[in-house]
Amino acid sequence: PSSIKKVGGSKMGLLVGEKITARNLLKGLLISSGNDAAIALSEAVSGSSEAFTELMNQKNLDLGLEQTHFSDPAGTQDGNISSAFEMAHLAKQVFKDGFLQSVMREKESIVSSVDGKIKHTLSNTNRLLGTDISGRIIAGKTGTTPIAKECLIAFIGQAGNRTTMAILLGSQNRYGEMKDLIQWTDETYH
């Protein structure tokens, strides 16, 4: 869609007229926080970003989320609101899907258009993924807007194949704060 040219923030680098699979758009959305992928997916599913946003908000109601409201599919507008508790509920729903979980674990990926002529190199915006915290950040999703500041949902591997989720909203230093939160959790809970 031509509307991808107008979207701001992080992008996967889609070109107007490019044909690409929904699977590769999801990778662009979840790995490199591609706002252009969010717009392309929303228009493919519902015909418009506005119609897709209505579906997103209906899903919130279906899940019993009363503090979450979306104003656009990419999450870039000021009207997108939620709480850490409800973001955790949404993240758990996403993490249940094997494909989405595997995508959120990827540090990098290369995806291509349907004809293979256009390639997109995707780098995960979550800089903690697979890093010095014993490689324990196994998946996650970042988000940043001027009002929301730095946000991070992290899935942390624990002993016994357990996974812990941590959510930071409104941070000035999401990676440093996440490291501190993981250290505190390790020292406090056994």
Foldseek 3Di string as FASTA:
>chain_A
DVCLVVDDDWAQDDDVPFAADLLVLLLRCQAGVHLSSQQVVQCVVQVGQQRSQVVVVVVCVVLVADFAHDDGRSRADPPTTHDPVVVVVVVVVQCVDPSSVVSQQDQWDWGATPVRPGITITGGPPPPQLDDPVNFQRGWGWDAYPVFHTKIWTWGADPPRDTDIDIDISDPCVVVVVVVVVVVCVVPDD
